[in-house]
């Protein structure tokens, strides 16, 4: 395998020896509700581990809000472009740190060349984004995986002939085997960094399983420089799943590890509601700790001793532990604030 190249977006390195970066893509249009909700969503995602956010750039009316959002965003922004090369130029002019294009649906070669020249002028990166469902007819006999790779290599050659090398490649399919085959083949043939993911992977549970299988295998082989776990669901779940995958593989250190029981007939404390309520606050903490949320006296005390911090419910009463020591008993309604106060005061 090649020594991997690096690409840079707004000073952030992708590839090379940089850590694997986590991406997501916002579901809301830029102009839907004004910028404040978008800024808040990006900040919230960044707080739990998101490194890069992609946004659809579909209209000339997106230029002004996108430009303002670049100034207010907590992370670098990628403009997602399809079909209209003028949107790519507008996004770059508006300050996009990176654009995602499929050169094949941008149109004539001179249009692609203008986009590449503009990216070079602005110091922006380009992600060549290819999906198995949108490939040139001339590669149709090769099969989806090989067709994606050959198409990407052709575009890279074209970009290099124009002097542009700040490139990331993504080769995605909704089929996990095709996704892995394409990523492996590309990694064997090119040093350019890869963004990996299973596209249209489904609802949160289905997506998490499919993505963990495909991305986990690839990352274990040293393939993949940025990832997205694509879900038909909320973006927070995408980021949480991606962070947990990297931590499970030993590719991301630190942060809060949540241990929580699934509830059973013995449970007298609603661990499901409590975990959902406290999750974002915990994951936003800049601490390398484990927190156990247990619902009954069977496993609760044992997990509490093993975790850095814990709550164990006994009916309306909740026990708060710190490093295995029982600190206090509080009413269930006070447990969230009591737990956070103990953690943040240490």
C-alpha atoms as a PDB file:
ATOM      1  CA  UNK A   1       0.000   0.000   0.000  1.00  0.00           C
ATOM      2  CA  UNK A   2       1.173   3.523  -0.787  1.00  0.00           C
ATOM      3  CA  UNK A   3       2.346   6.040   1.785  1.00  0.00           C
ATOM      4  CA  UNK A   4      -0.799   8.137   1.989  1.00  0.00           C
ATOM      5  CA  UNK A   5      -0.956  11.709   0.787  1.00  0.00           C
ATOM      6  CA  UNK A   6      -2.547  14.477   2.792  1.00  0.00           C
ATOM      7  CA  UNK A   7      -5.268  16.913   1.840  1.00  0.00           C
ATOM      8  CA  UNK A   8      -6.041  20.063   3.789  1.00  0.00           C
ATOM      9  CA  UNK A   9      -9.316  21.814   4.511  1.00  0.00           C
ATOM     10  CA  UNK A  10      -9.141  25.086   6.388  1.00  0.00           C
ATOM     11  CA  UNK A  11      -5.833  23.972   7.913  1.00  0.00           C
ATOM     12  CA  UNK A  12      -7.147  20.550   8.991  1.00  0.00           C
ATOM     13  CA  UNK A  13      -5.116  17.632   7.637  1.00  0.00           C
ATOM     14  CA  UNK A  14      -6.874  14.640   6.099  1.00  0.00           C
ATOM     15  CA  UNK A  15      -4.851  11.526   5.384  1.00  0.00           C
ATOM     16  CA  UNK A  16      -1.120  11.198   5.924  1.00  0.00           C
ATOM     17  CA  UNK A  17      -0.575  10.566   9.622  1.00  0.00           C
ATOM     18  CA  UNK A  18      -3.594  12.597  10.725  1.00  0.00           C
ATOM     19  CA  UNK A  19      -6.303  10.970  12.853  1.00  0.00           C
ATOM     20  CA  UNK A  20      -9.442   9.691  11.162  1.00  0.00           C
ATOM     21  CA  UNK A  21     -11.902  12.586  10.888  1.00  0.00           C
ATOM     22  CA  UNK A  22     -15.645  12.302  11.452  1.00  0.00           C
ATOM     23  CA  UNK A  23     -18.099  13.929   9.083  1.00  0.00           C
ATOM     24  CA  UNK A  24     -21.832  14.372   8.848  1.00  0.00           C
ATOM     25  CA  UNK A  25     -24.153  16.202   6.485  1.00  0.00           C
ATOM     26  CA  UNK A  26     -26.875  18.542   7.665  1.00  0.00           C
ATOM     27  CA  UNK A  27     -30.417  17.722   6.606  1.00  0.00           C
ATOM     28  CA  UNK A  28     -31.813  21.254   6.714  1.00  0.00           C
ATOM     29  CA  UNK A  29     -31.565  23.726   3.805  1.00  0.00           C
ATOM     30  CA  UNK A  30     -29.536  26.816   4.606  1.00  0.00           C
ATOM     31  CA  UNK A  31     -32.403  29.247   4.264  1.00  0.00           C
ATOM     32  CA  UNK A  32     -35.104  27.216   6.030  1.00  0.00           C
ATOM     33  CA  UNK A  33     -35.070  28.819   9.476  1.00  0.00           C
ATOM     34  CA  UNK A  34     -32.286  31.361   9.416  1.00  0.00           C
ATOM     35  CA  UNK A  35     -28.707  30.666  10.423  1.00  0.00           C
ATOM     36  CA  UNK A  36     -28.931  30.516  14.209  1.00  0.00           C
ATOM     37  CA  UNK A  37     -30.383  26.974  14.328  1.00  0.00           C
ATOM     38  CA  UNK A  38     -27.755  25.801  11.842  1.00  0.00           C
ATOM     39  CA  UNK A  39     -24.911  27.348  13.843  1.00  0.00           C
ATOM     40  CA  UNK A  40     -26.277  25.774  17.023  1.00  0.00           C
ATOM     41  CA  UNK A  41     -26.603  22.351  15.400  1.00  0.00           C
ATOM     42  CA  UNK A  42     -23.033  22.443  14.087  1.00  0.00           C
ATOM     43  CA  UNK A  43     -21.705  23.531  17.489  1.00  0.00           C
ATOM     44  CA  UNK A  44     -23.672  20.748  19.168  1.00  0.00           C
ATOM     45  CA  UNK A  45     -22.285  18.146  16.767  1.00  0.00           C
ATOM     46  CA  UNK A  46     -18.742  19.477  17.158  1.00  0.00           C
ATOM     47  CA  UNK A  47     -19.050  19.199  20.939  1.00  0.00           C
ATOM     48  CA  UNK A  48     -19.600  15.433  20.714  1.00  0.00           C
ATOM     49  CA  UNK A  49     -16.835  14.726  18.195  1.00  0.00           C
ATOM     50  CA  UNK A  50     -17.797  15.850  14.681  1.00  0.00           C
ATOM     51  CA  UNK A  51     -14.824  17.295  12.760  1.00  0.00           C
ATOM     52  CA  UNK A  52     -16.307  18.316   9.396  1.00  0.00           C
ATOM     53  CA  UNK A  53     -19.831  19.228   8.254  1.00  0.00           C
ATOM     54  CA  UNK A  54     -21.155  18.975   4.706  1.00  0.00           C
ATOM     55  CA  UNK A  55     -24.053  21.107   3.483  1.00  0.00           C
ATOM     56  CA  UNK A  56     -26.073  20.956   0.274  1.00  0.00           C
ATOM     57  CA  UNK A  57     -25.367  23.976  -1.906  1.00  0.00           C
ATOM     58  CA  UNK A  58     -28.165  23.874  -4.451  1.00  0.00           C
ATOM     59  CA  UNK A  59     -29.050  27.458  -5.306  1.00  0.00           C
ATOM     60  CA  UNK A  60     -27.406  30.818  -5.911  1.00  0.00           C
ATOM     61  CA  UNK A  61     -29.487  31.972  -2.944  1.00  0.00           C
ATOM     62  CA  UNK A  62     -27.338  29.732  -0.719  1.00  0.00           C
ATOM     63  CA  UNK A  63     -24.214  31.842  -1.314  1.00  0.00           C
ATOM     64  CA  UNK A  64     -24.893  34.624   1.194  1.00  0.00           C
ATOM     65  CA  UNK A  65     -25.996  32.422   4.120  1.00  0.00           C
ATOM     66  CA  UNK A  66     -23.196  29.935   3.387  1.00  0.00           C
ATOM     67  CA  UNK A  67     -20.620  32.724   3.465  1.00  0.00           C
ATOM     68  CA  UNK A  68     -21.921  33.896   6.829  1.00  0.00           C
ATOM     69  CA  UNK A  69     -22.046  30.346   8.146  1.00  0.00           C
ATOM     70  CA  UNK A  70     -18.374  29.815   7.255  1.00  0.00           C
ATOM     71  CA  UNK A  71     -17.542  32.657   9.653  1.00  0.00           C
ATOM     72  CA  UNK A  72     -19.705  31.230  12.455  1.00  0.00           C
ATOM     73  CA  UNK A  73     -19.145  27.498  12.099  1.00  0.00           C
ATOM     74  CA  UNK A  74     -17.278  25.548  14.762  1.00  0.00           C
ATOM     75  CA  UNK A  75     -15.828  23.191  12.113  1.00  0.00           C
ATOM     76  CA  UNK A  76     -14.767  23.386   8.438  1.00  0.00           C
ATOM     77  CA  UNK A  77     -17.650  23.319   5.955  1.00  0.00           C
ATOM     78  CA  UNK A  78     -17.942  21.262   2.789  1.00  0.00           C
ATOM     79  CA  UNK A  79     -20.343  22.360   0.046  1.00  0.00           C
ATOM     80  CA  UNK A  80     -22.127  19.477  -1.667  1.00  0.00           C
ATOM     81  CA  UNK A  81     -22.580  20.209  -5.373  1.00  0.00           C
ATOM     82  CA  UNK A  82     -24.460  18.337  -8.068  1.00  0.00           C
ATOM     83  CA  UNK A  83     -24.889  19.102 -11.779  1.00  0.00           C
ATOM     84  CA  UNK A  84     -24.382  22.878 -11.843  1.00  0.00           C
ATOM     85  CA  UNK A  85     -20.716  23.904 -12.063  1.00  0.00           C
ATOM     86  CA  UNK A  86     -21.744  27.487 -11.273  1.00  0.00           C
ATOM     87  CA  UNK A  87     -22.857  26.363  -7.810  1.00  0.00           C
ATOM     88  CA  UNK A  88     -19.366  24.982  -7.215  1.00  0.00           C
ATOM     89  CA  UNK A  89     -17.834  28.325  -8.194  1.00  0.00           C
ATOM     90  CA  UNK A  90     -20.298  30.193  -5.963  1.00  0.00           C
ATOM     91  CA  UNK A  91     -19.586  27.901  -3.009  1.00  0.00           C
ATOM     92  CA  UNK A  92     -15.842  28.391  -3.364  1.00  0.00           C
ATOM     93  CA  UNK A  93     -16.311  32.150  -3.603  1.00  0.00           C
ATOM     94  CA  UNK A  94     -18.458  31.951  -0.448  1.00  0.00           C
ATOM     95  CA  UNK A  95     -15.587  30.340   1.464  1.00  0.00           C
ATOM     96  CA  UNK A  96     -16.150  26.590   1.283  1.00  0.00           C
ATOM     97  CA  UNK A  97     -13.105  24.800   2.687  1.00  0.00           C
ATOM     98  CA  UNK A  98     -13.893  21.876   0.426  1.00  0.00           C
ATOM     99  CA  UNK A  99     -16.426  21.014  -2.245  1.00  0.00           C
ATOM    100  CA  UNK A 100     -17.848  17.602  -3.041  1.00  0.00           C
ATOM    101  CA  UNK A 101     -18.466  16.979  -6.730  1.00  0.00           C
ATOM    102  CA  UNK A 102     -18.949  14.087  -9.106  1.00  0.00           C
ATOM    103  CA  UNK A 103     -17.072  15.477 -12.114  1.00  0.00           C
ATOM    104  CA  UNK A 104     -19.156  13.261 -14.375  1.00  0.00           C
ATOM    105  CA  UNK A 105     -22.371  15.111 -13.582  1.00  0.00           C
ATOM    106  CA  UNK A 106     -20.786  18.570 -13.656  1.00  0.00           C
ATOM    107  CA  UNK A 107     -20.784  18.406 -17.440  1.00  0.00           C
ATOM    108  CA  UNK A 108     -18.204  19.404 -20.035  1.00  0.00           C
ATOM    109  CA  UNK A 109     -14.513  19.108 -19.176  1.00  0.00           C
ATOM    110  CA  UNK A 110     -14.007  22.876 -19.398  1.00  0.00           C
ATOM    111  CA  UNK A 111     -16.570  23.333 -16.619  1.00  0.00           C
ATOM    112  CA  UNK A 112     -14.744  20.880 -14.390  1.00  0.00           C
ATOM    113  CA  UNK A 113     -11.470  22.638 -15.186  1.00  0.00           C
ATOM    114  CA  UNK A 114     -12.915  26.007 -14.115  1.00  0.00           C
ATOM    115  CA  UNK A 115     -14.074  24.487 -10.834  1.00  0.00           C
ATOM    116  CA  UNK A 116     -10.656  22.947 -10.187  1.00  0.00           C
ATOM    117  CA  UNK A 117      -8.925  26.249 -11.021  1.00  0.00           C
ATOM    118  CA  UNK A 118     -11.194  28.102  -8.597  1.00  0.00           C
ATOM    119  CA  UNK A 119     -10.490  25.564  -5.832  1.00  0.00           C
ATOM    120  CA  UNK A 120      -6.754  25.952  -6.428  1.00  0.00           C
ATOM    121  CA  UNK A 121      -7.071  29.734  -6.309  1.00  0.00           C
ATOM    122  CA  UNK A 122      -9.005  29.605  -3.020  1.00  0.00           C
ATOM    123  CA  UNK A 123      -6.820  26.949  -1.399  1.00  0.00           C
ATOM    124  CA  UNK A 124      -9.837  24.641  -1.067  1.00  0.00           C
ATOM    125  CA  UNK A 125      -9.963  20.861  -1.335  1.00  0.00           C
ATOM    126  CA  UNK A 126     -12.121  18.816  -3.681  1.00  0.00           C
ATOM    127  CA  UNK A 127     -13.742  15.537  -2.800  1.00  0.00           C
ATOM    128  CA  UNK A 128     -14.341  13.376  -5.851  1.00  0.00           C
ATOM    129  CA  UNK A 129     -17.521  11.693  -4.692  1.00  0.00           C
ATOM    130  CA  UNK A 130     -18.642   8.657  -6.669  1.00  0.00           C
ATOM    131  CA  UNK A 131     -21.540   6.342  -5.882  1.00  0.00           C
ATOM    132  CA  UNK A 132     -22.196   3.000  -7.520  1.00  0.00           C
ATOM    133  CA  UNK A 133     -25.458   4.308  -8.949  1.00  0.00           C
ATOM    134  CA  UNK A 134     -23.980   7.246 -10.873  1.00  0.00           C
ATOM    135  CA  UNK A 135     -21.065   6.149 -13.016  1.00  0.00           C
ATOM    136  CA  UNK A 136     -20.062   6.745 -16.664  1.00  0.00           C
ATOM    137  CA  UNK A 137     -21.480   4.264 -19.152  1.00  0.00           C
ATOM    138  CA  UNK A 138     -18.010   3.450 -20.481  1.00  0.00           C
ATOM    139  CA  UNK A 139     -17.216   1.622 -17.241  1.00  0.00           C
ATOM    140  CA  UNK A 140     -20.487  -0.321 -17.011  1.00  0.00           C
ATOM    141  CA  UNK A 141     -18.884  -3.633 -18.023  1.00  0.00           C
ATOM    142  CA  UNK A 142     -16.392  -3.532 -15.131  1.00  0.00           C
ATOM    143  CA  UNK A 143     -18.807  -3.970 -12.247  1.00  0.00           C
ATOM    144  CA  UNK A 144     -19.649  -1.226  -9.728  1.00  0.00           C
ATOM    145  CA  UNK A 145     -16.533  -1.395  -7.536  1.00  0.00           C
ATOM    146  CA  UNK A 146     -13.984  -1.457 -10.343  1.00  0.00           C
ATOM    147  CA  UNK A 147     -15.979   1.155 -12.271  1.00  0.00           C
ATOM    148  CA  UNK A 148     -15.857   3.557  -9.326  1.00  0.00           C
ATOM    149  CA  UNK A 149     -12.119   3.076  -8.939  1.00  0.00           C
ATOM    150  CA  UNK A 150     -11.307   3.505 -12.626  1.00  0.00           C
ATOM    151  CA  UNK A 151     -13.521   6.571 -12.804  1.00  0.00           C
ATOM    152  CA  UNK A 152     -11.829   8.123  -9.756  1.00  0.00           C
ATOM    153  CA  UNK A 153      -8.342   7.407 -11.107  1.00  0.00           C
ATOM    154  CA  UNK A 154      -9.265   9.064 -14.390  1.00  0.00           C
ATOM    155  CA  UNK A 155     -10.477  12.201 -12.628  1.00  0.00           C
ATOM    156  CA  UNK A 156      -7.330  12.291 -10.469  1.00  0.00           C
ATOM    157  CA  UNK A 157      -5.162  12.141 -13.608  1.00  0.00           C
ATOM    158  CA  UNK A 158      -7.161  15.018 -15.047  1.00  0.00           C
ATOM    159  CA  UNK A 159      -6.854  17.099 -11.872  1.00  0.00           C
ATOM    160  CA  UNK A 160      -3.112  16.457 -11.696  1.00  0.00           C
ATOM    161  CA  UNK A 161      -2.700  17.536 -15.322  1.00  0.00           C
ATOM    162  CA  UNK A 162      -4.137  20.884 -14.224  1.00  0.00           C
ATOM    163  CA  UNK A 163      -1.754  21.049 -11.238  1.00  0.00           C
ATOM    164  CA  UNK A 164      -4.334  20.212  -8.545  1.00  0.00           C
ATOM    165  CA  UNK A 165      -3.615  17.608  -5.864  1.00  0.00           C
ATOM    166  CA  UNK A 166      -5.625  18.729  -2.787  1.00  0.00           C
ATOM    167  CA  UNK A 167      -8.032  15.876  -3.425  1.00  0.00           C
ATOM    168  CA  UNK A 168     -10.021  13.382  -1.353  1.00  0.00           C
ATOM    169  CA  UNK A 169     -11.856  10.454  -2.940  1.00  0.00           C
ATOM    170  CA  UNK A 170     -15.019   8.684  -1.813  1.00  0.00           C
ATOM    171  CA  UNK A 171     -16.337   5.500  -3.436  1.00  0.00           C
ATOM    172  CA  UNK A 172     -19.647   4.521  -1.887  1.00  0.00           C
ATOM    173  CA  UNK A 173     -22.325   1.916  -2.387  1.00  0.00           C
ATOM    174  CA  UNK A 174     -25.357   0.849  -0.379  1.00  0.00           C
ATOM    175  CA  UNK A 175     -23.879  -2.649  -0.662  1.00  0.00           C
ATOM    176  CA  UNK A 176     -21.229  -3.256   2.007  1.00  0.00           C
ATOM    177  CA  UNK A 177     -19.205  -5.698  -0.106  1.00  0.00           C
ATOM    178  CA  UNK A 178     -19.041  -3.263  -3.033  1.00  0.00           C
ATOM    179  CA  UNK A 179     -18.020  -0.453  -0.678  1.00  0.00           C
ATOM    180  CA  UNK A 180     -15.194  -2.485   0.839  1.00  0.00           C
ATOM    181  CA  UNK A 181     -14.013  -3.845  -2.511  1.00  0.00           C
ATOM    182  CA  UNK A 182     -13.825  -0.374  -4.061  1.00  0.00           C
ATOM    183  CA  UNK A 183     -12.003   1.144  -1.065  1.00  0.00           C
ATOM    184  CA  UNK A 184      -9.459  -1.681  -0.968  1.00  0.00           C
ATOM    185  CA  UNK A 185      -8.802  -1.556  -4.685  1.00  0.00           C
ATOM    186  CA  UNK A 186      -8.372   2.209  -4.676  1.00  0.00           C
ATOM    187  CA  UNK A 187      -6.029   2.051  -1.673  1.00  0.00           C
ATOM    188  CA  UNK A 188      -3.874  -0.457  -3.576  1.00  0.00           C
ATOM    189  CA  UNK A 189      -3.665   1.825  -6.618  1.00  0.00           C
ATOM    190  CA  UNK A 190      -3.545   5.378  -5.284  1.00  0.00           C
ATOM    191  CA  UNK A 191      -2.109   7.266  -2.281  1.00  0.00           C
ATOM    192  CA  UNK A 192      -4.892   9.856  -2.167  1.00  0.00           C
ATOM    193  CA  UNK A 193      -6.902  10.038   1.082  1.00  0.00           C
ATOM    194  CA  UNK A 194     -10.298   8.367   1.182  1.00  0.00           C
ATOM    195  CA  UNK A 195     -13.579   9.322   2.752  1.00  0.00           C
ATOM    196  CA  UNK A 196     -15.378   6.052   3.476  1.00  0.00           C
ATOM    197  CA  UNK A 197     -18.973   5.212   4.239  1.00  0.00           C
ATOM    198  CA  UNK A 198     -21.904   3.034   3.248  1.00  0.00           C
ATOM    199  CA  UNK A 199     -24.324   5.265   1.378  1.00  0.00           C
ATOM    200  CA  UNK A 200     -28.080   5.128   1.995  1.00  0.00           C
ATOM    201  CA  UNK A 201     -27.369   2.702   4.831  1.00  0.00           C
ATOM    202  CA  UNK A 202     -30.840   2.871   6.393  1.00  0.00           C
ATOM    203  CA  UNK A 203     -32.370   3.598   9.780  1.00  0.00           C
ATOM    204  CA  UNK A 204     -30.121   4.041  12.833  1.00  0.00           C
ATOM    205  CA  UNK A 205     -29.900   0.408  13.955  1.00  0.00           C
ATOM    206  CA  UNK A 206     -29.558  -0.988  10.429  1.00  0.00           C
ATOM    207  CA  UNK A 207     -27.055   1.690   9.438  1.00  0.00           C
ATOM    208  CA  UNK A 208     -24.963   1.209  12.556  1.00  0.00           C
ATOM    209  CA  UNK A 209     -24.628  -2.515  11.885  1.00  0.00           C
ATOM    210  CA  UNK A 210     -23.864  -2.181   8.173  1.00  0.00           C
ATOM    211  CA  UNK A 211     -21.455   0.694   8.707  1.00  0.00           C
ATOM    212  CA  UNK A 212     -19.654  -0.921  11.633  1.00  0.00           C
ATOM    213  CA  UNK A 213     -19.054  -4.028   9.524  1.00  0.00           C
ATOM    214  CA  UNK A 214     -17.809  -2.258   6.397  1.00  0.00           C
ATOM    215  CA  UNK A 215     -15.976   0.668   7.972  1.00  0.00           C
ATOM    216  CA  UNK A 216     -14.636  -1.389  10.854  1.00  0.00           C
ATOM    217  CA  UNK A 217     -13.016  -3.837   8.455  1.00  0.00           C
ATOM    218  CA  UNK A 218     -11.549  -1.087   6.288  1.00  0.00           C
ATOM    219  CA  UNK A 219     -10.243   0.990   9.172  1.00  0.00           C
ATOM    220  CA  UNK A 220      -8.680  -2.110  10.734  1.00  0.00           C
ATOM    221  CA  UNK A 221      -6.760  -2.509   7.468  1.00  0.00           C
ATOM    222  CA  UNK A 222      -5.560   1.085   7.565  1.00  0.00           C
ATOM    223  CA  UNK A 223      -8.007   2.260   4.889  1.00  0.00           C
ATOM    224  CA  UNK A 224     -10.042   5.411   5.461  1.00  0.00           C
ATOM    225  CA  UNK A 225      -9.119   8.942   6.451  1.00  0.00           C
ATOM    226  CA  UNK A 226     -12.550  10.435   7.065  1.00  0.00           C
ATOM    227  CA  UNK A 227     -15.805   8.592   7.765  1.00  0.00           C
ATOM    228  CA  UNK A 228     -19.527   9.168   7.813  1.00  0.00           C
ATOM    229  CA  UNK A 229     -22.048   6.736   9.229  1.00  0.00           C
ATOM    230  CA  UNK A 230     -25.007   7.693   7.085  1.00  0.00           C
ATOM    231  CA  UNK A 231     -28.391   7.247   8.787  1.00  0.00           C
ATOM    232  CA  UNK A 232     -32.021   7.851   8.011  1.00  0.00           C
ATOM    233  CA  UNK A 233     -32.260   9.603  11.343  1.00  0.00           C
ATOM    234  CA  UNK A 234     -30.778  12.412  13.379  1.00  0.00           C
ATOM    235  CA  UNK A 235     -27.237  13.636  12.829  1.00  0.00           C
ATOM    236  CA  UNK A 236     -26.288  13.346  16.476  1.00  0.00           C
ATOM    237  CA  UNK A 237     -26.730   9.577  16.251  1.00  0.00           C
ATOM    238  CA  UNK A 238     -24.468   9.514  13.180  1.00  0.00           C
ATOM    239  CA  UNK A 239     -21.683  11.276  15.048  1.00  0.00           C
ATOM    240  CA  UNK A 240     -22.091   9.219  18.228  1.00  0.00           C
ATOM    241  CA  UNK A 241     -21.911   5.984  16.220  1.00  0.00           C
ATOM    242  CA  UNK A 242     -18.812   7.180  14.344  1.00  0.00           C
ATOM    243  CA  UNK A 243     -17.039   8.252  17.532  1.00  0.00           C
ATOM    244  CA  UNK A 244     -17.824   4.942  19.210  1.00  0.00           C
ATOM    245  CA  UNK A 245     -16.583   2.991  16.202  1.00  0.00           C
ATOM    246  CA  UNK A 246     -13.252   4.831  16.210  1.00  0.00           C
ATOM    247  CA  UNK A 247     -12.899   4.399  19.962  1.00  0.00           C
ATOM    248  CA  UNK A 248     -13.718   0.695  19.747  1.00  0.00           C
ATOM    249  CA  UNK A 249     -11.000   0.305  17.114  1.00  0.00           C
ATOM    250  CA  UNK A 250      -8.517   2.282  19.215  1.00  0.00           C
ATOM    251  CA  UNK A 251      -8.380   5.085  16.643  1.00  0.00           C
ATOM    252  CA  UNK A 252      -9.762   7.828  18.888  1.00  0.00           C
ATOM    253  CA  UNK A 253      -8.811   8.325  22.522  1.00  0.00           C
ATOM    254  CA  UNK A 254     -10.484  10.183  25.342  1.00  0.00           C
ATOM    255  CA  UNK A 255     -14.051  11.291  25.808  1.00  0.00           C
ATOM    256  CA  UNK A 256     -16.821   9.849  27.938  1.00  0.00           C
ATOM    257  CA  UNK A 257     -17.619   6.146  27.648  1.00  0.00           C
ATOM    258  CA  UNK A 258     -21.220   5.481  28.635  1.00  0.00           C
ATOM    259  CA  UNK A 259     -22.102   2.089  30.129  1.00  0.00           C
ATOM    260  CA  UNK A 260     -25.839   1.530  30.502  1.00  0.00           C
ATOM    261  CA  UNK A 261     -28.043  -1.454  31.201  1.00  0.00           C
ATOM    262  CA  UNK A 262     -30.895  -2.350  28.809  1.00  0.00           C
ATOM    263  CA  UNK A 263     -33.570  -2.633  31.547  1.00  0.00           C
ATOM    264  CA  UNK A 264     -35.254  -5.821  32.621  1.00  0.00           C
ATOM    265  CA  UNK A 265     -38.086  -6.912  34.914  1.00  0.00           C
ATOM    266  CA  UNK A 266     -35.993  -6.066  37.987  1.00  0.00           C
ATOM    267  CA  UNK A 267     -35.383  -2.502  36.856  1.00  0.00           C
ATOM    268  CA  UNK A 268     -36.950   0.153  39.051  1.00  0.00           C
ATOM    269  CA  UNK A 269     -35.167   3.121  37.449  1.00  0.00           C
ATOM    270  CA  UNK A 270     -35.861   4.242  33.863  1.00  0.00           C
ATOM    271  CA  UNK A 271     -32.332   3.928  32.499  1.00  0.00           C
ATOM    272  CA  UNK A 272     -33.516   4.351  28.910  1.00  0.00           C
ATOM    273  CA  UNK A 273     -35.049   7.786  29.477  1.00  0.00           C
ATOM    274  CA  UNK A 274     -32.222   8.857  31.770  1.00  0.00           C
ATOM    275  CA  UNK A 275     -29.481   7.862  29.309  1.00  0.00           C
ATOM    276  CA  UNK A 276     -31.257   9.669  26.470  1.00  0.00           C
ATOM    277  CA  UNK A 277     -31.661  12.792  28.608  1.00  0.00           C
ATOM    278  CA  UNK A 278     -28.075  12.936  29.871  1.00  0.00           C
ATOM    279  CA  UNK A 279     -26.268  11.577  26.787  1.00  0.00           C
ATOM    280  CA  UNK A 280     -25.407  14.842  25.038  1.00  0.00           C
ATOM    281  CA  UNK A 281     -24.243  16.526  28.236  1.00  0.00           C
ATOM    282  CA  UNK A 282     -21.948  13.611  28.998  1.00  0.00           C
ATOM    283  CA  UNK A 283     -20.540  13.252  25.499  1.00  0.00           C
ATOM    284  CA  UNK A 284     -19.801  16.982  25.355  1.00  0.00           C
ATOM    285  CA  UNK A 285     -17.466  16.772  28.348  1.00  0.00           C
ATOM    286  CA  UNK A 286     -13.751  16.983  27.649  1.00  0.00           C
ATOM    287  CA  UNK A 287     -12.907  14.152  30.047  1.00  0.00           C
ATOM    288  CA  UNK A 288     -11.481  10.660  29.578  1.00  0.00           C
ATOM    289  CA  UNK A 289     -13.889   8.824  31.876  1.00  0.00           C
ATOM    290  CA  UNK A 290     -16.467   6.027  32.043  1.00  0.00           C
ATOM    291  CA  UNK A 291     -19.997   6.613  33.346  1.00  0.00           C
ATOM    292  CA  UNK A 292     -22.337   3.734  34.264  1.00  0.00           C
ATOM    293  CA  UNK A 293     -26.132   4.113  34.257  1.00  0.00           C
ATOM    294  CA  UNK A 294     -27.662   1.097  35.979  1.00  0.00           C
ATOM    295  CA  UNK A 295     -31.255   0.279  36.819  1.00  0.00           C
ATOM    296  CA  UNK A 296     -31.240  -2.250  39.667  1.00  0.00           C
ATOM    297  CA  UNK A 297     -29.193  -3.524  42.620  1.00  0.00           C
ATOM    298  CA  UNK A 298     -28.026  -6.714  40.859  1.00  0.00           C
ATOM    299  CA  UNK A 299     -25.312  -5.375  38.535  1.00  0.00           C
ATOM    300  CA  UNK A 300     -25.526  -1.736  39.518  1.00  0.00           C
ATOM    301  CA  UNK A 301     -23.131  -1.664  42.472  1.00  0.00           C
ATOM    302  CA  UNK A 302     -20.553  -3.770  40.615  1.00  0.00           C
ATOM    303  CA  UNK A 303     -20.600  -1.544  37.527  1.00  0.00           C
ATOM    304  CA  UNK A 304     -20.511   1.503  39.795  1.00  0.00           C
ATOM    305  CA  UNK A 305     -17.294   0.252  41.344  1.00  0.00           C
ATOM    306  CA  UNK A 306     -15.749  -0.385  37.935  1.00  0.00           C
ATOM    307  CA  UNK A 307     -16.721   2.951  36.359  1.00  0.00           C
ATOM    308  CA  UNK A 308     -15.317   6.360  37.168  1.00  0.00           C
ATOM    309  CA  UNK A 309     -18.820   7.658  37.878  1.00  0.00           C
ATOM    310  CA  UNK A 310     -22.180   5.950  38.113  1.00  0.00           C
ATOM    311  CA  UNK A 311     -25.854   6.218  38.905  1.00  0.00           C
ATOM    312  CA  UNK A 312     -27.798   3.214  40.186  1.00  0.00           C
ATOM    313  CA  UNK A 313     -31.538   3.504  40.567  1.00  0.00           C
ATOM    314  CA  UNK A 314     -33.600   1.997  43.340  1.00  0.00           C
ATOM    315  CA  UNK A 315     -37.156   3.146  42.709  1.00  0.00           C
ATOM    316  CA  UNK A 316     -37.409   6.891  43.199  1.00  0.00           C
ATOM    317  CA  UNK A 317     -34.005   6.936  44.859  1.00  0.00           C
ATOM    318  CA  UNK A 318     -30.806   7.132  42.824  1.00  0.00           C
ATOM    319  CA  UNK A 319     -27.337   6.445  44.179  1.00  0.00           C
ATOM    320  CA  UNK A 320     -24.459   8.561  42.841  1.00  0.00           C
ATOM    321  CA  UNK A 321     -20.994   6.973  42.814  1.00  0.00           C
ATOM    322  CA  UNK A 322     -17.560   8.440  42.210  1.00  0.00           C
ATOM    323  CA  UNK A 323     -14.645   6.052  41.606  1.00  0.00           C
ATOM    324  CA  UNK A 324     -16.545   3.252  43.324  1.00  0.00           C
ATOM    325  CA  UNK A 325     -17.542   5.251  46.387  1.00  0.00           C
ATOM    326  CA  UNK A 326     -21.168   6.015  47.186  1.00  0.00           C
ATOM    327  CA  UNK A 327     -21.412   9.796  47.491  1.00  0.00           C
ATOM    328  CA  UNK A 328     -25.092  10.526  47.874  1.00  0.00           C
ATOM    329  CA  UNK A 329     -28.643   9.365  47.353  1.00  0.00           C
ATOM    330  CA  UNK A 330     -30.963  11.725  45.500  1.00  0.00           C
ATOM    331  CA  UNK A 331     -34.456  11.750  44.087  1.00  0.00           C
ATOM    332  CA  UNK A 332     -34.631  10.466  40.493  1.00  0.00           C
ATOM    333  CA  UNK A 333     -35.652  13.921  39.239  1.00  0.00           C
ATOM    334  CA  UNK A 334     -32.403  15.365  40.599  1.00  0.00           C
ATOM    335  CA  UNK A 335     -30.107  12.608  39.353  1.00  0.00           C
ATOM    336  CA  UNK A 336     -29.018  14.228  36.085  1.00  0.00           C
ATOM    337  CA  UNK A 337     -27.800  17.465  37.651  1.00  0.00           C
ATOM    338  CA  UNK A 338     -26.332  15.643  40.644  1.00  0.00           C
ATOM    339  CA  UNK A 339     -24.300  13.334  38.416  1.00  0.00           C
ATOM    340  CA  UNK A 340     -22.974  16.189  36.262  1.00  0.00           C
ATOM    341  CA  UNK A 341     -22.116  18.245  39.329  1.00  0.00           C
ATOM    342  CA  UNK A 342     -20.043  15.385  40.767  1.00  0.00           C
ATOM    343  CA  UNK A 343     -18.228  14.796  37.457  1.00  0.00           C
ATOM    344  CA  UNK A 344     -17.509  18.470  36.759  1.00  0.00           C
ATOM    345  CA  UNK A 345     -16.334  19.203  40.287  1.00  0.00           C
ATOM    346  CA  UNK A 346     -13.626  16.507  40.197  1.00  0.00           C
END
